[in-house]
Amino acid sequence: MRSNVVSEASLSTRVSQWWSAVPFLTSGIVFICGVIYAVCLLFGYDSFYEVCLLPSAIAAKYEVYRIYTSTLFHVSILHLVFNMLALVPIGSGLERILGSVRYFHVLFLIATCNGILHLLFALLAAHNPVHPYSHFMNECSVGFSGMILQ
């Protein structure tokens, strides 16, 4: 009698199906970034100055860990959501093509190159003989967008 009735899945079912299609490493990155943001929010951690990509700290104190920690921390929920919404389709496609191990290796290389280039440009601007601009040495950056845009 009702042949034209369309049965649709609920929103939670659709989200569950979509999330199950996201490969392991990409979903792991989304999970880790989300957990780090939630823990920072719950414990009131807002001193991103200790983990951000800060060229002066890398050059003077050799705090190389900042290259990698800066990619996992986000300053707001919108920052996190938009970074992860950009990562999931790009990362899922790359992870399916490359495999999880090579995809992790590519992410590690991109993070390293991103940090080195950031430091190099800040040093070049600070030591410019015509018009030195040292403000880039003290600019802090966090988020996964540097990895996505590379």
C-alpha atoms as a PDB file:
ATOM      1  CA  MET A   1       0.000   0.000   0.000  1.00  0.00           C
ATOM      2  CA  ARG A   2       2.780   2.483   0.884  1.00  0.00           C
ATOM      3  CA  SER A   3       5.321   1.678  -1.781  1.00  0.00           C
ATOM      4  CA  ASN A   4       6.859   5.131  -1.966  1.00  0.00           C
ATOM      5  CA  VAL A   5       7.874   5.407   1.711  1.00  0.00           C
ATOM      6  CA  VAL A   6      11.585   6.012   2.069  1.00  0.00           C
ATOM      7  CA  SER A   7      13.262   4.809   5.205  1.00  0.00           C
ATOM      8  CA  GLU A   8      16.200   6.946   6.249  1.00  0.00           C
ATOM      9  CA  ALA A   9      18.870   6.244   8.811  1.00  0.00           C
ATOM     10  CA  SER A  10      19.095   8.389  11.901  1.00  0.00           C
ATOM     11  CA  LEU A  11      21.775  11.014  12.314  1.00  0.00           C
ATOM     12  CA  SER A  12      23.671   8.907  14.826  1.00  0.00           C
ATOM     13  CA  THR A  13      23.684   5.976  12.390  1.00  0.00           C
ATOM     14  CA  ARG A  14      25.016   8.177   9.595  1.00  0.00           C
ATOM     15  CA  VAL A  15      27.738   9.629  11.812  1.00  0.00           C
ATOM     16  CA  SER A  16      28.658   6.132  12.983  1.00  0.00           C
ATOM     17  CA  GLN A  17      28.927   4.871   9.407  1.00  0.00           C
ATOM     18  CA  TRP A  18      30.949   7.924   8.370  1.00  0.00           C
ATOM     19  CA  TRP A  19      33.333   7.582  11.341  1.00  0.00           C
ATOM     20  CA  SER A  20      33.835   3.858  10.718  1.00  0.00           C
ATOM     21  CA  ALA A  21      34.966   4.676   7.171  1.00  0.00           C
ATOM     22  CA  VAL A  22      37.743   7.001   8.413  1.00  0.00           C
ATOM     23  CA  PRO A  23      41.088   5.129   8.427  1.00  0.00           C
ATOM     24  CA  PHE A  24      42.926   4.304  11.656  1.00  0.00           C
ATOM     25  CA  LEU A  25      45.657   6.959  11.773  1.00  0.00           C
ATOM     26  CA  THR A  26      43.439   9.819  10.626  1.00  0.00           C
ATOM     27  CA  SER A  27      40.803   8.957  13.215  1.00  0.00           C
ATOM     28  CA  GLY A  28      43.567   8.594  15.800  1.00  0.00           C
ATOM     29  CA  ILE A  29      44.821  12.113  15.077  1.00  0.00           C
ATOM     30  CA  VAL A  30      41.302  13.506  15.361  1.00  0.00           C
ATOM     31  CA  PHE A  31      40.834  11.627  18.646  1.00  0.00           C
ATOM     32  CA  ILE A  32      44.193  12.740  20.102  1.00  0.00           C
ATOM     33  CA  CYS A  33      43.654  16.395  19.171  1.00  0.00           C
ATOM     34  CA  GLY A  34      40.145  16.258  20.636  1.00  0.00           C
ATOM     35  CA  VAL A  35      41.339  14.657  23.879  1.00  0.00           C
ATOM     36  CA  ILE A  36      44.178  17.173  24.245  1.00  0.00           C
ATOM     37  CA  TYR A  37      41.736  20.044  23.733  1.00  0.00           C
ATOM     38  CA  ALA A  38      39.229  18.556  26.217  1.00  0.00           C
ATOM     39  CA  VAL A  39      41.916  17.973  28.859  1.00  0.00           C
ATOM     40  CA  CYS A  40      43.224  21.533  28.420  1.00  0.00           C
ATOM     41  CA  LEU A  41      39.681  22.835  28.713  1.00  0.00           C
ATOM     42  CA  LEU A  42      38.845  20.761  31.804  1.00  0.00           C
ATOM     43  CA  PHE A  43      42.041  21.581  33.691  1.00  0.00           C
ATOM     44  CA  GLY A  44      42.175  25.210  32.630  1.00  0.00           C
ATOM     45  CA  TYR A  45      45.418  24.929  30.681  1.00  0.00           C
ATOM     46  CA  ASP A  46      45.678  28.027  28.529  1.00  0.00           C
ATOM     47  CA  SER A  47      49.433  28.566  28.444  1.00  0.00           C
ATOM     48  CA  PHE A  48      50.052  27.501  24.875  1.00  0.00           C
ATOM     49  CA  TYR A  49      53.229  29.543  25.021  1.00  0.00           C
ATOM     50  CA  GLU A  50      54.980  26.412  26.380  1.00  0.00           C
ATOM     51  CA  VAL A  51      54.059  24.143  23.450  1.00  0.00           C
ATOM     52  CA  CYS A  52      53.599  26.475  20.476  1.00  0.00           C
ATOM     53  CA  LEU A  53      55.875  26.770  17.475  1.00  0.00           C
ATOM     54  CA  LEU A  54      58.014  29.657  18.743  1.00  0.00           C
ATOM     55  CA  PRO A  55      61.103  30.302  16.578  1.00  0.00           C
ATOM     56  CA  SER A  56      63.015  32.159  19.294  1.00  0.00           C
ATOM     57  CA  ALA A  57      62.690  29.222  21.717  1.00  0.00           C
ATOM     58  CA  ILE A  58      63.715  26.722  19.052  1.00  0.00           C
ATOM     59  CA  ALA A  59      66.752  28.772  17.985  1.00  0.00           C
ATOM     60  CA  ALA A  60      67.954  29.879  21.425  1.00  0.00           C
ATOM     61  CA  LYS A  61      67.014  26.970  23.709  1.00  0.00           C
ATOM     62  CA  TYR A  62      66.889  24.130  21.139  1.00  0.00           C
ATOM     63  CA  GLU A  63      63.309  23.253  22.104  1.00  0.00           C
ATOM     64  CA  VAL A  64      62.737  21.136  19.012  1.00  0.00           C
ATOM     65  CA  TYR A  65      59.761  19.366  20.598  1.00  0.00           C
ATOM     66  CA  ARG A  66      57.735  22.492  19.802  1.00  0.00           C
ATOM     67  CA  ILE A  67      57.712  21.530  16.134  1.00  0.00           C
ATOM     68  CA  TYR A  68      55.604  18.487  16.951  1.00  0.00           C
ATOM     69  CA  THR A  69      53.609  19.589  20.010  1.00  0.00           C
ATOM     70  CA  SER A  70      52.332  22.699  18.260  1.00  0.00           C
ATOM     71  CA  THR A  71      50.444  20.609  15.718  1.00  0.00           C
ATOM     72  CA  LEU A  72      48.392  18.777  18.354  1.00  0.00           C
ATOM     73  CA  PHE A  73      47.209  21.782  20.401  1.00  0.00           C
ATOM     74  CA  HIS A  74      44.336  24.076  19.377  1.00  0.00           C
ATOM     75  CA  VAL A  75      43.186  27.317  21.001  1.00  0.00           C
ATOM     76  CA  SER A  76      39.421  27.091  20.485  1.00  0.00           C
ATOM     77  CA  ILE A  77      36.718  24.612  19.584  1.00  0.00           C
ATOM     78  CA  LEU A  78      36.242  26.242  16.174  1.00  0.00           C
ATOM     79  CA  HIS A  79      39.977  26.032  15.526  1.00  0.00           C
ATOM     80  CA  LEU A  80      39.899  22.320  16.362  1.00  0.00           C
ATOM     81  CA  VAL A  81      36.689  21.524  14.460  1.00  0.00           C
ATOM     82  CA  PHE A  82      37.705  23.298  11.252  1.00  0.00           C
ATOM     83  CA  ASN A  83      41.196  21.774  11.306  1.00  0.00           C
ATOM     84  CA  MET A  84      39.780  18.283  11.790  1.00  0.00           C
ATOM     85  CA  LEU A  85      37.052  18.813   9.181  1.00  0.00           C
ATOM     86  CA  ALA A  86      39.804  19.663   6.715  1.00  0.00           C
ATOM     87  CA  LEU A  87      42.014  16.785   7.854  1.00  0.00           C
ATOM     88  CA  VAL A  88      39.462  13.969   7.628  1.00  0.00           C
ATOM     89  CA  PRO A  89      38.807  13.992   3.856  1.00  0.00           C
ATOM     90  CA  ILE A  90      42.400  14.838   2.902  1.00  0.00           C
ATOM     91  CA  GLY A  91      43.978  12.495   5.445  1.00  0.00           C
ATOM     92  CA  SER A  92      41.565   9.653   4.740  1.00  0.00           C
ATOM     93  CA  GLY A  93      42.315   9.743   1.041  1.00  0.00           C
ATOM     94  CA  LEU A  94      46.064   9.897   1.587  1.00  0.00           C
ATOM     95  CA  GLU A  95      46.004   7.146   4.174  1.00  0.00           C
ATOM     96  CA  ARG A  96      44.037   4.857   1.860  1.00  0.00           C
ATOM     97  CA  ILE A  97      46.519   5.486  -0.958  1.00  0.00           C
ATOM     98  CA  LEU A  98      49.755   5.360   1.072  1.00  0.00           C
ATOM     99  CA  GLY A  99      48.870   3.055   3.925  1.00  0.00           C
ATOM    100  CA  SER A 100      49.081   4.000   7.598  1.00  0.00           C
ATOM    101  CA  VAL A 101      52.841   3.604   8.044  1.00  0.00           C
ATOM    102  CA  ARG A 102      53.829   5.684   5.029  1.00  0.00           C
ATOM    103  CA  TYR A 103      51.119   8.221   5.846  1.00  0.00           C
ATOM    104  CA  PHE A 104      52.580   8.609   9.361  1.00  0.00           C
ATOM    105  CA  HIS A 105      56.019   9.043   7.824  1.00  0.00           C
ATOM    106  CA  VAL A 106      54.682  11.735   5.462  1.00  0.00           C
ATOM    107  CA  LEU A 107      52.990  13.538   8.375  1.00  0.00           C
ATOM    108  CA  PHE A 108      56.241  13.430  10.349  1.00  0.00           C
ATOM    109  CA  LEU A 109      58.185  14.831   7.386  1.00  0.00           C
ATOM    110  CA  ILE A 110      55.602  17.572   6.790  1.00  0.00           C
ATOM    111  CA  ALA A 111      55.669  18.581  10.465  1.00  0.00           C
ATOM    112  CA  THR A 112      59.472  18.680  10.409  1.00  0.00           C
ATOM    113  CA  CYS A 113      59.624  20.695   7.180  1.00  0.00           C
ATOM    114  CA  ASN A 114      56.879  23.019   8.423  1.00  0.00           C
ATOM    115  CA  GLY A 115      58.823  23.767  11.606  1.00  0.00           C
ATOM    116  CA  ILE A 116      62.143  24.207   9.819  1.00  0.00           C
ATOM    117  CA  LEU A 117      60.651  26.530   7.189  1.00  0.00           C
ATOM    118  CA  HIS A 118      58.849  28.541   9.867  1.00  0.00           C
ATOM    119  CA  LEU A 119      62.127  28.934  11.773  1.00  0.00           C
ATOM    120  CA  LEU A 120      64.096  29.727   8.604  1.00  0.00           C
ATOM    121  CA  PHE A 121      61.701  32.466   7.460  1.00  0.00           C
ATOM    122  CA  ALA A 122      61.648  34.003  10.935  1.00  0.00           C
ATOM    123  CA  LEU A 123      65.458  34.012  11.048  1.00  0.00           C
ATOM    124  CA  LEU A 124      65.709  35.507   7.562  1.00  0.00           C
ATOM    125  CA  ALA A 125      63.264  38.263   8.466  1.00  0.00           C
ATOM    126  CA  ALA A 126      65.082  38.996  11.725  1.00  0.00           C
ATOM    127  CA  HIS A 127      68.493  39.187  10.037  1.00  0.00           C
ATOM    128  CA  ASN A 128      67.398  41.114   6.977  1.00  0.00           C
ATOM    129  CA  PRO A 129      70.122  43.745   6.339  1.00  0.00           C
ATOM    130  CA  VAL A 130      67.744  46.253   4.723  1.00  0.00           C
ATOM    131  CA  HIS A 131      64.893  46.179   7.223  1.00  0.00           C
ATOM    132  CA  PRO A 132      65.236  43.707  10.117  1.00  0.00           C
ATOM    133  CA  TYR A 133      61.891  42.447  11.372  1.00  0.00           C
ATOM    134  CA  SER A 134      62.326  40.418  14.549  1.00  0.00           C
ATOM    135  CA  HIS A 135      58.621  40.094  15.421  1.00  0.00           C
ATOM    136  CA  PHE A 136      58.353  36.754  13.592  1.00  0.00           C
ATOM    137  CA  MET A 137      60.802  35.230  16.079  1.00  0.00           C
ATOM    138  CA  ASN A 138      58.322  35.796  18.907  1.00  0.00           C
ATOM    139  CA  GLU A 139      55.111  34.731  17.186  1.00  0.00           C
ATOM    140  CA  CYS A 140      53.537  31.594  18.558  1.00  0.00           C
ATOM    141  CA  SER A 141      51.557  29.246  16.324  1.00  0.00           C
ATOM    142  CA  VAL A 142      49.520  26.141  17.129  1.00  0.00           C
ATOM    143  CA  GLY A 143      47.147  23.877  15.232  1.00  0.00           C
ATOM    144  CA  PHE A 144      47.093  21.203  12.552  1.00  0.00           C
ATOM    145  CA  SER A 145      46.410  23.670   9.739  1.00  0.00           C
ATOM    146  CA  GLY A 146      50.117  24.036   8.987  1.00  0.00           C
ATOM    147  CA  MET A 147      50.200  20.313   8.262  1.00  0.00           C
ATOM    148  CA  ILE A 148      47.042  20.340   6.165  1.00  0.00           C
ATOM    149  CA  LEU A 149      48.087  23.261   3.981  1.00  0.00           C
ATOM    150  CA  GLN A 150      51.548  21.935   3.174  1.00  0.00           C
END
